[in-house]
Amino acid sequence: MADELAWLIGRYHPDLAWMADDVFTIHHGWLFQYASELKQRGLKLPFECISRADRLNPQVVETLAEIGCFRVWIGSESGSQRILDAMERGVTVDEVQAAVRLCRSNGIQTGMFLMWGYEGEELDDIEATIQHVKRTDPDIFFTTISYPIQGTEYSSQVAGRVESLKAWSVSSDRDVRIRGRHSRRFYGFADQLLRSEVELEHTRGKSGIEPAVIVDLQNKVADLRTGLRASSIEVEA
């Protein structure tokens, strides 16, 4: 891998790299060997990667920083421990928050992946996710609506309720409707509410902000929360 990185740098002179590995820090021994090899060769290219919160510790994060990691993406999925346990993620909300703090203390940005709509998720779980993101305060976060992947427990749970939205030749595994699940409008409200709550939290922390701006954001959040709760009775037919 060090050979490949050296070739890429010499051939293309990139500004940064994306390490396309589901869990770049899965094997700590390998990571430390790789870091040692890069240091011996004098190779250092800014990069971002994906990890699990439970595969990050002080030594791992320090090593990532030393070899040029500028952002770590963490699959948080939910801020509700009940939903994380149902997913069998093997990670806790507290571990995710601690991992983000650890990265921040070493000058590494964090990205967070979140997922709405896992089987059994309700309003309280969505509110828990919103509070989790506000408390954790990642540099960036992405959301998606859960979709079944063949071979997973979730796929087995919803198999009898899945309908494709597009022809197989032009679709992906995300182009599906799951009957009985909350409507896409409901998850649209959840997404907007999350982003507005985070924006409000950041705005409150800035100096010189006009009070009217805060009030407008508070009203927006209140309207979105009302819309979320009103749409919670809507399900995919």
C-alpha atoms as a PDB file:
ATOM      1  CA  MET A   1       0.000   0.000   0.000  1.00  0.00           C
ATOM      2  CA  ALA A   2       2.894   2.354   0.680  1.00  0.00           C
ATOM      3  CA  ASP A   3       4.186   1.505  -2.807  1.00  0.00           C
ATOM      4  CA  GLU A   4       0.813   2.422  -4.297  1.00  0.00           C
ATOM      5  CA  LEU A   5       0.632   5.700  -2.353  1.00  0.00           C
ATOM      6  CA  ALA A   6       4.164   6.610  -3.489  1.00  0.00           C
ATOM      7  CA  TRP A   7       3.199   5.875  -7.115  1.00  0.00           C
ATOM      8  CA  LEU A   8       0.030   7.971  -6.881  1.00  0.00           C
ATOM      9  CA  ILE A   9       1.926  10.924  -5.407  1.00  0.00           C
ATOM     10  CA  GLY A  10       4.661  10.690  -8.035  1.00  0.00           C
ATOM     11  CA  ARG A  11       2.270  10.258 -10.955  1.00  0.00           C
ATOM     12  CA  TYR A  12      -0.645  12.532 -10.110  1.00  0.00           C
ATOM     13  CA  HIS A  13       0.535  14.915  -7.352  1.00  0.00           C
ATOM     14  CA  PRO A  14      -2.871  14.790  -5.596  1.00  0.00           C
ATOM     15  CA  ASP A  15      -3.919  17.231  -2.899  1.00  0.00           C
ATOM     16  CA  LEU A  16      -5.500  14.517  -0.764  1.00  0.00           C
ATOM     17  CA  ALA A  17      -6.570  10.875  -0.732  1.00  0.00           C
ATOM     18  CA  TRP A  18      -9.695   8.977   0.225  1.00  0.00           C
ATOM     19  CA  MET A  19      -8.957   5.616   1.845  1.00  0.00           C
ATOM     20  CA  ALA A  20     -11.729   3.444   0.416  1.00  0.00           C
ATOM     21  CA  ASP A  21     -11.930   0.959   3.268  1.00  0.00           C
ATOM     22  CA  ASP A  22     -15.070   0.245   5.288  1.00  0.00           C
ATOM     23  CA  VAL A  23     -13.082   0.446   8.540  1.00  0.00           C
ATOM     24  CA  PHE A  24      -9.577   1.793   7.934  1.00  0.00           C
ATOM     25  CA  THR A  25      -8.592   1.269  11.578  1.00  0.00           C
ATOM     26  CA  ILE A  26      -9.978  -2.263  11.929  1.00  0.00           C
ATOM     27  CA  HIS A  27      -6.498  -3.811  12.461  1.00  0.00           C
ATOM     28  CA  HIS A  28      -4.390  -1.651  14.758  1.00  0.00           C
ATOM     29  CA  GLY A  29      -1.245  -3.680  14.205  1.00  0.00           C
ATOM     30  CA  TRP A  30      -1.463  -3.170  10.458  1.00  0.00           C
ATOM     31  CA  LEU A  31      -2.111   0.569  10.902  1.00  0.00           C
ATOM     32  CA  PHE A  32       0.979   1.011  13.061  1.00  0.00           C
ATOM     33  CA  GLN A  33       3.113  -0.931  10.553  1.00  0.00           C
ATOM     34  CA  TYR A  34       1.758   1.159   7.701  1.00  0.00           C
ATOM     35  CA  ALA A  35       2.478   4.381   9.593  1.00  0.00           C
ATOM     36  CA  SER A  36       6.025   3.214  10.297  1.00  0.00           C
ATOM     37  CA  GLU A  37       6.564   2.447   6.608  1.00  0.00           C
ATOM     38  CA  LEU A  38       5.306   5.887   5.561  1.00  0.00           C
ATOM     39  CA  LYS A  39       7.602   7.603   8.053  1.00  0.00           C
ATOM     40  CA  GLN A  40      10.623   5.623   6.816  1.00  0.00           C
ATOM     41  CA  ARG A  41       9.895   6.671   3.239  1.00  0.00           C
ATOM     42  CA  GLY A  42       9.032  10.277   4.099  1.00  0.00           C
ATOM     43  CA  LEU A  43       5.551   9.890   2.598  1.00  0.00           C
ATOM     44  CA  LYS A  44       2.723  12.070   3.845  1.00  0.00           C
ATOM     45  CA  LEU A  45      -0.442  12.960   1.976  1.00  0.00           C
ATOM     46  CA  PRO A  46      -3.570  14.419   3.611  1.00  0.00           C
ATOM     47  CA  PHE A  47      -6.325  11.812   3.634  1.00  0.00           C
ATOM     48  CA  GLU A  48      -9.738  10.969   5.052  1.00  0.00           C
ATOM     49  CA  CYS A  49     -11.026   7.560   6.038  1.00  0.00           C
ATOM     50  CA  ILE A  50     -13.894   5.685   7.671  1.00  0.00           C
ATOM     51  CA  SER A  51     -13.721   4.099  11.111  1.00  0.00           C
ATOM     52  CA  ARG A  52     -15.893   2.696  13.837  1.00  0.00           C
ATOM     53  CA  ALA A  53     -15.956   4.552  17.126  1.00  0.00           C
ATOM     54  CA  ASP A  54     -14.855   1.431  19.010  1.00  0.00           C
ATOM     55  CA  ARG A  55     -11.755   1.082  16.781  1.00  0.00           C
ATOM     56  CA  LEU A  56     -10.422   4.487  17.786  1.00  0.00           C
ATOM     57  CA  ASN A  57      -8.256   5.044  20.856  1.00  0.00           C
ATOM     58  CA  PRO A  58      -5.605   7.649  21.765  1.00  0.00           C
ATOM     59  CA  GLN A  59      -2.728   5.760  20.108  1.00  0.00           C
ATOM     60  CA  VAL A  60      -4.718   5.095  16.936  1.00  0.00           C
ATOM     61  CA  VAL A  61      -5.904   8.701  16.597  1.00  0.00           C
ATOM     62  CA  GLU A  62      -2.414  10.079  17.282  1.00  0.00           C
ATOM     63  CA  THR A  63      -1.056   7.767  14.595  1.00  0.00           C
ATOM     64  CA  LEU A  64      -3.704   8.888  12.111  1.00  0.00           C
ATOM     65  CA  ALA A  65      -2.818  12.522  12.770  1.00  0.00           C
ATOM     66  CA  GLU A  66       0.899  11.819  12.329  1.00  0.00           C
ATOM     67  CA  ILE A  67       0.446  10.282   8.880  1.00  0.00           C
ATOM     68  CA  GLY A  68      -1.797  13.041   7.558  1.00  0.00           C
ATOM     69  CA  CYS A  69      -5.390  12.106   8.361  1.00  0.00           C
ATOM     70  CA  PHE A  70      -7.472  15.282   8.327  1.00  0.00           C
ATOM     71  CA  ARG A  71     -10.946  13.751   8.660  1.00  0.00           C
ATOM     72  CA  VAL A  72     -12.389  10.544  10.095  1.00  0.00           C
ATOM     73  CA  TRP A  73     -15.897   9.437   9.152  1.00  0.00           C
ATOM     74  CA  ILE A  74     -17.805   7.516  11.808  1.00  0.00           C
ATOM     75  CA  GLY A  75     -20.930   5.446  11.193  1.00  0.00           C
ATOM     76  CA  SER A  76     -22.963   6.723  14.113  1.00  0.00           C
ATOM     77  CA  GLU A  77     -26.300   5.743  12.456  1.00  0.00           C
ATOM     78  CA  SER A  78     -28.476   6.800  15.404  1.00  0.00           C
ATOM     79  CA  GLY A  79     -28.366   8.693  18.668  1.00  0.00           C
ATOM     80  CA  SER A  80     -30.784   6.224  20.228  1.00  0.00           C
ATOM     81  CA  GLN A  81     -29.052   3.393  22.044  1.00  0.00           C
ATOM     82  CA  ARG A  82     -32.214   1.324  21.626  1.00  0.00           C
ATOM     83  CA  ILE A  83     -31.913   1.548  17.839  1.00  0.00           C
ATOM     84  CA  LEU A  84     -28.153   0.914  17.878  1.00  0.00           C
ATOM     85  CA  ASP A  85     -28.764  -2.236  19.913  1.00  0.00           C
ATOM     86  CA  ALA A  86     -31.487  -3.341  17.489  1.00  0.00           C
ATOM     87  CA  MET A  87     -28.994  -2.859  14.639  1.00  0.00           C
ATOM     88  CA  GLU A  88     -26.471  -4.939  16.595  1.00  0.00           C
ATOM     89  CA  ARG A  89     -23.905  -2.221  15.948  1.00  0.00           C
ATOM     90  CA  GLY A  90     -21.791  -3.224  18.940  1.00  0.00           C
ATOM     91  CA  VAL A  91     -21.126   0.424  19.751  1.00  0.00           C
ATOM     92  CA  THR A  92     -22.629   2.914  22.191  1.00  0.00           C
ATOM     93  CA  VAL A  93     -23.677   6.538  21.799  1.00  0.00           C
ATOM     94  CA  ASP A  94     -21.107   7.469  24.453  1.00  0.00           C
ATOM     95  CA  GLU A  95     -18.334   5.768  22.449  1.00  0.00           C
ATOM     96  CA  VAL A  96     -19.229   7.787  19.371  1.00  0.00           C
ATOM     97  CA  GLN A  97     -19.176  11.044  21.309  1.00  0.00           C
ATOM     98  CA  ALA A  98     -15.858  10.145  22.947  1.00  0.00           C
ATOM     99  CA  ALA A  99     -14.338   9.243  19.558  1.00  0.00           C
ATOM    100  CA  VAL A 100     -15.302  12.619  18.110  1.00  0.00           C
ATOM    101  CA  ARG A 101     -13.780  14.435  21.100  1.00  0.00           C
ATOM    102  CA  LEU A 102     -10.609  12.394  20.734  1.00  0.00           C
ATOM    103  CA  CYS A 103     -10.276  13.218  17.054  1.00  0.00           C
ATOM    104  CA  ARG A 104     -10.932  16.908  17.685  1.00  0.00           C
ATOM    105  CA  SER A 105      -8.255  17.028  20.394  1.00  0.00           C
ATOM    106  CA  ASN A 106      -5.751  15.713  17.827  1.00  0.00           C
ATOM    107  CA  GLY A 107      -6.707  18.228  15.149  1.00  0.00           C
ATOM    108  CA  ILE A 108      -8.726  15.746  13.069  1.00  0.00           C
ATOM    109  CA  GLN A 109     -12.128  16.714  11.709  1.00  0.00           C
ATOM    110  CA  THR A 110     -15.016  14.297  12.021  1.00  0.00           C
ATOM    111  CA  GLY A 111     -17.791  13.334   9.659  1.00  0.00           C
ATOM    112  CA  MET A 112     -20.815  11.385  10.834  1.00  0.00           C
ATOM    113  CA  PHE A 113     -23.114   9.044   8.931  1.00  0.00           C
ATOM    114  CA  LEU A 114     -26.690   8.862  10.228  1.00  0.00           C
ATOM    115  CA  MET A 115     -29.620   6.692   9.198  1.00  0.00           C
ATOM    116  CA  TRP A 116     -33.335   7.295   9.590  1.00  0.00           C
ATOM    117  CA  GLY A 117     -36.052   4.682   9.400  1.00  0.00           C
ATOM    118  CA  TYR A 118     -34.570   1.556  10.908  1.00  0.00           C
ATOM    119  CA  GLU A 119     -37.258  -0.913  11.930  1.00  0.00           C
ATOM    120  CA  GLY A 120     -38.924   0.265  15.147  1.00  0.00           C
ATOM    121  CA  GLU A 121     -37.596   3.825  15.101  1.00  0.00           C
ATOM    122  CA  GLU A 122     -40.101   6.335  16.493  1.00  0.00           C
ATOM    123  CA  LEU A 123     -40.259  10.001  17.453  1.00  0.00           C
ATOM    124  CA  ASP A 124     -38.291   9.581  20.682  1.00  0.00           C
ATOM    125  CA  ASP A 125     -35.458   7.898  18.784  1.00  0.00           C
ATOM    126  CA  ILE A 126     -35.347  10.736  16.254  1.00  0.00           C
ATOM    127  CA  GLU A 127     -35.233  13.290  19.062  1.00  0.00           C
ATOM    128  CA  ALA A 128     -32.402  11.309  20.681  1.00  0.00           C
ATOM    129  CA  THR A 129     -30.463  11.441  17.395  1.00  0.00           C
ATOM    130  CA  ILE A 130     -30.948  15.200  17.141  1.00  0.00           C
ATOM    131  CA  GLN A 131     -29.656  15.704  20.692  1.00  0.00           C
ATOM    132  CA  HIS A 132     -26.757  13.344  19.981  1.00  0.00           C
ATOM    133  CA  VAL A 133     -25.620  15.342  16.946  1.00  0.00           C
ATOM    134  CA  LYS A 134     -25.954  18.651  18.820  1.00  0.00           C
ATOM    135  CA  ARG A 135     -23.938  17.292  21.743  1.00  0.00           C
ATOM    136  CA  THR A 136     -21.286  15.637  19.573  1.00  0.00           C
ATOM    137  CA  ASP A 137     -21.013  18.502  17.060  1.00  0.00           C
ATOM    138  CA  PRO A 138     -19.234  16.771  14.158  1.00  0.00           C
ATOM    139  CA  ASP A 139     -17.732  18.983  11.453  1.00  0.00           C
ATOM    140  CA  ILE A 140     -20.084  17.489   8.887  1.00  0.00           C
ATOM    141  CA  PHE A 141     -22.825  14.871   8.823  1.00  0.00           C
ATOM    142  CA  PHE A 142     -24.801  13.002   6.177  1.00  0.00           C
ATOM    143  CA  THR A 143     -28.164  11.309   6.533  1.00  0.00           C
ATOM    144  CA  THR A 144     -29.896   8.569   4.598  1.00  0.00           C
ATOM    145  CA  ILE A 145     -33.055   6.513   4.958  1.00  0.00           C
ATOM    146  CA  SER A 146     -32.386   2.877   5.841  1.00  0.00           C
ATOM    147  CA  TYR A 147     -32.508   0.395   3.003  1.00  0.00           C
ATOM    148  CA  PRO A 148     -32.229  -3.403   3.036  1.00  0.00           C
ATOM    149  CA  ILE A 149     -28.916  -5.016   2.121  1.00  0.00           C
ATOM    150  CA  GLN A 150     -29.076  -8.704   1.229  1.00  0.00           C
ATOM    151  CA  GLY A 151     -27.810 -10.948   4.011  1.00  0.00           C
ATOM    152  CA  THR A 152     -28.501  -8.531   6.864  1.00  0.00           C
ATOM    153  CA  GLU A 153     -31.010  -9.016   9.664  1.00  0.00           C
ATOM    154  CA  TYR A 154     -32.783  -5.835   8.600  1.00  0.00           C
ATOM    155  CA  SER A 155     -33.267  -7.205   5.088  1.00  0.00           C
ATOM    156  CA  SER A 156     -34.882 -10.322   6.558  1.00  0.00           C
ATOM    157  CA  GLN A 157     -37.178  -8.233   8.773  1.00  0.00           C
ATOM    158  CA  VAL A 158     -38.613  -6.164   5.916  1.00  0.00           C
ATOM    159  CA  ALA A 159     -38.309  -8.641   3.020  1.00  0.00           C
ATOM    160  CA  GLY A 160     -42.054  -9.101   2.636  1.00  0.00           C
ATOM    161  CA  ARG A 161     -42.732  -5.367   2.520  1.00  0.00           C
ATOM    162  CA  VAL A 162     -40.171  -4.134   0.000  1.00  0.00           C
ATOM    163  CA  GLU A 163     -41.166  -2.717  -3.390  1.00  0.00           C
ATOM    164  CA  SER A 164     -38.766  -1.453  -6.060  1.00  0.00           C
ATOM    165  CA  LEU A 165     -39.374   2.103  -7.243  1.00  0.00           C
ATOM    166  CA  LYS A 166     -37.455   1.768 -10.515  1.00  0.00           C
ATOM    167  CA  ALA A 167     -36.618  -0.907 -13.045  1.00  0.00           C
ATOM    168  CA  TRP A 168     -33.695  -3.100 -11.953  1.00  0.00           C
ATOM    169  CA  SER A 169     -31.495  -1.880 -14.843  1.00  0.00           C
ATOM    170  CA  VAL A 170     -31.634   1.763 -13.706  1.00  0.00           C
ATOM    171  CA  SER A 171     -32.020   1.415  -9.934  1.00  0.00           C
ATOM    172  CA  SER A 172     -29.853   0.947  -6.863  1.00  0.00           C
ATOM    173  CA  ASP A 173     -30.562  -0.922  -3.631  1.00  0.00           C
ATOM    174  CA  ARG A 174     -31.803   2.396  -2.182  1.00  0.00           C
ATOM    175  CA  ASP A 175     -34.603   2.827  -4.712  1.00  0.00           C
ATOM    176  CA  VAL A 176     -37.178   0.964  -2.666  1.00  0.00           C
ATOM    177  CA  ARG A 177     -40.368   1.567  -0.712  1.00  0.00           C
ATOM    178  CA  ILE A 178     -40.976  -0.339   2.500  1.00  0.00           C
ATOM    179  CA  ARG A 179     -44.688  -0.707   3.162  1.00  0.00           C
ATOM    180  CA  GLY A 180     -45.798   0.186   6.695  1.00  0.00           C
ATOM    181  CA  ARG A 181     -42.808   2.419   7.380  1.00  0.00           C
ATOM    182  CA  HIS A 182     -43.173   6.139   8.075  1.00  0.00           C
ATOM    183  CA  SER A 183     -43.625   8.250   4.947  1.00  0.00           C
ATOM    184  CA  ARG A 184     -40.762   9.957   3.135  1.00  0.00           C
ATOM    185  CA  ARG A 185     -42.393  13.267   4.118  1.00  0.00           C
ATOM    186  CA  PHE A 186     -41.952  12.271   7.766  1.00  0.00           C
ATOM    187  CA  TYR A 187     -38.242  11.618   7.237  1.00  0.00           C
ATOM    188  CA  GLY A 188     -37.984  14.882   5.308  1.00  0.00           C
ATOM    189  CA  PHE A 189     -39.238  16.685   8.404  1.00  0.00           C
ATOM    190  CA  ALA A 190     -36.778  14.717  10.565  1.00  0.00           C
ATOM    191  CA  ASP A 191     -33.900  15.742   8.312  1.00  0.00           C
ATOM    192  CA  GLN A 192     -34.860  19.424   8.231  1.00  0.00           C
ATOM    193  CA  LEU A 193     -35.431  19.461  11.983  1.00  0.00           C
ATOM    194  CA  LEU A 194     -32.008  17.954  12.646  1.00  0.00           C
ATOM    195  CA  ARG A 195     -30.246  20.497  10.443  1.00  0.00           C
ATOM    196  CA  SER A 196     -32.215  23.423  11.837  1.00  0.00           C
ATOM    197  CA  GLU A 197     -31.571  22.373  15.441  1.00  0.00           C
ATOM    198  CA  VAL A 198     -27.832  22.155  14.718  1.00  0.00           C
ATOM    199  CA  GLU A 199     -27.908  25.539  12.972  1.00  0.00           C
ATOM    200  CA  LEU A 200     -29.704  27.057  15.959  1.00  0.00           C
ATOM    201  CA  GLU A 201     -27.144  25.558  18.349  1.00  0.00           C
ATOM    202  CA  HIS A 202     -24.248  26.995  16.321  1.00  0.00           C
ATOM    203  CA  THR A 203     -25.928  30.390  15.950  1.00  0.00           C
ATOM    204  CA  ARG A 204     -26.483  30.657  19.697  1.00  0.00           C
ATOM    205  CA  GLY A 205     -22.760  30.140  20.195  1.00  0.00           C
ATOM    206  CA  LYS A 206     -21.760  33.069  17.977  1.00  0.00           C
ATOM    207  CA  SER A 207     -21.277  36.608  19.182  1.00  0.00           C
ATOM    208  CA  GLY A 208     -22.982  39.587  17.593  1.00  0.00           C
ATOM    209  CA  ILE A 209     -26.001  37.662  16.339  1.00  0.00           C
ATOM    210  CA  GLU A 210     -29.207  39.695  16.200  1.00  0.00           C
ATOM    211  CA  PRO A 211     -31.878  38.356  18.602  1.00  0.00           C
ATOM    212  CA  ALA A 212     -34.368  38.288  15.714  1.00  0.00           C
ATOM    213  CA  VAL A 213     -32.214  35.712  13.936  1.00  0.00           C
ATOM    214  CA  ILE A 214     -32.398  33.404  16.942  1.00  0.00           C
ATOM    215  CA  VAL A 215     -36.155  33.896  17.208  1.00  0.00           C
ATOM    216  CA  ASP A 216     -36.640  33.075  13.511  1.00  0.00           C
ATOM    217  CA  LEU A 217     -34.649  29.877  13.894  1.00  0.00           C
ATOM    218  CA  GLN A 218     -36.559  28.926  17.036  1.00  0.00           C
ATOM    219  CA  ASN A 219     -39.849  29.410  15.189  1.00  0.00           C
ATOM    220  CA  LYS A 220     -38.574  27.329  12.278  1.00  0.00           C
ATOM    221  CA  VAL A 221     -37.584  24.521  14.632  1.00  0.00           C
ATOM    222  CA  ALA A 222     -40.984  24.646  16.334  1.00  0.00           C
ATOM    223  CA  ASP A 223     -42.807  24.473  12.975  1.00  0.00           C
ATOM    224  CA  LEU A 224     -40.673  21.560  11.801  1.00  0.00           C
ATOM    225  CA  ARG A 225     -41.240  19.657  15.037  1.00  0.00           C
ATOM    226  CA  THR A 226     -44.981  20.186  14.635  1.00  0.00           C
ATOM    227  CA  GLY A 227     -44.775  18.908  11.067  1.00  0.00           C
ATOM    228  CA  LEU A 228     -42.763  15.888  12.161  1.00  0.00           C
ATOM    229  CA  ARG A 229     -45.277  14.897  14.807  1.00  0.00           C
ATOM    230  CA  ALA A 230     -48.266  15.527  12.526  1.00  0.00           C
ATOM    231  CA  SER A 231     -46.744  13.390   9.751  1.00  0.00           C
ATOM    232  CA  SER A 232     -45.843  10.541  12.144  1.00  0.00           C
ATOM    233  CA  ILE A 233     -49.206   8.904  11.402  1.00  0.00           C
ATOM    234  CA  GLU A 234     -48.405   8.684   7.676  1.00  0.00           C
ATOM    235  CA  VAL A 235     -47.032   5.361   6.442  1.00  0.00           C
ATOM    236  CA  GLU A 236     -45.901   3.978   3.093  1.00  0.00           C
ATOM    237  CA  ALA A 237     -48.817   2.175   1.491  1.00  0.00           C
END
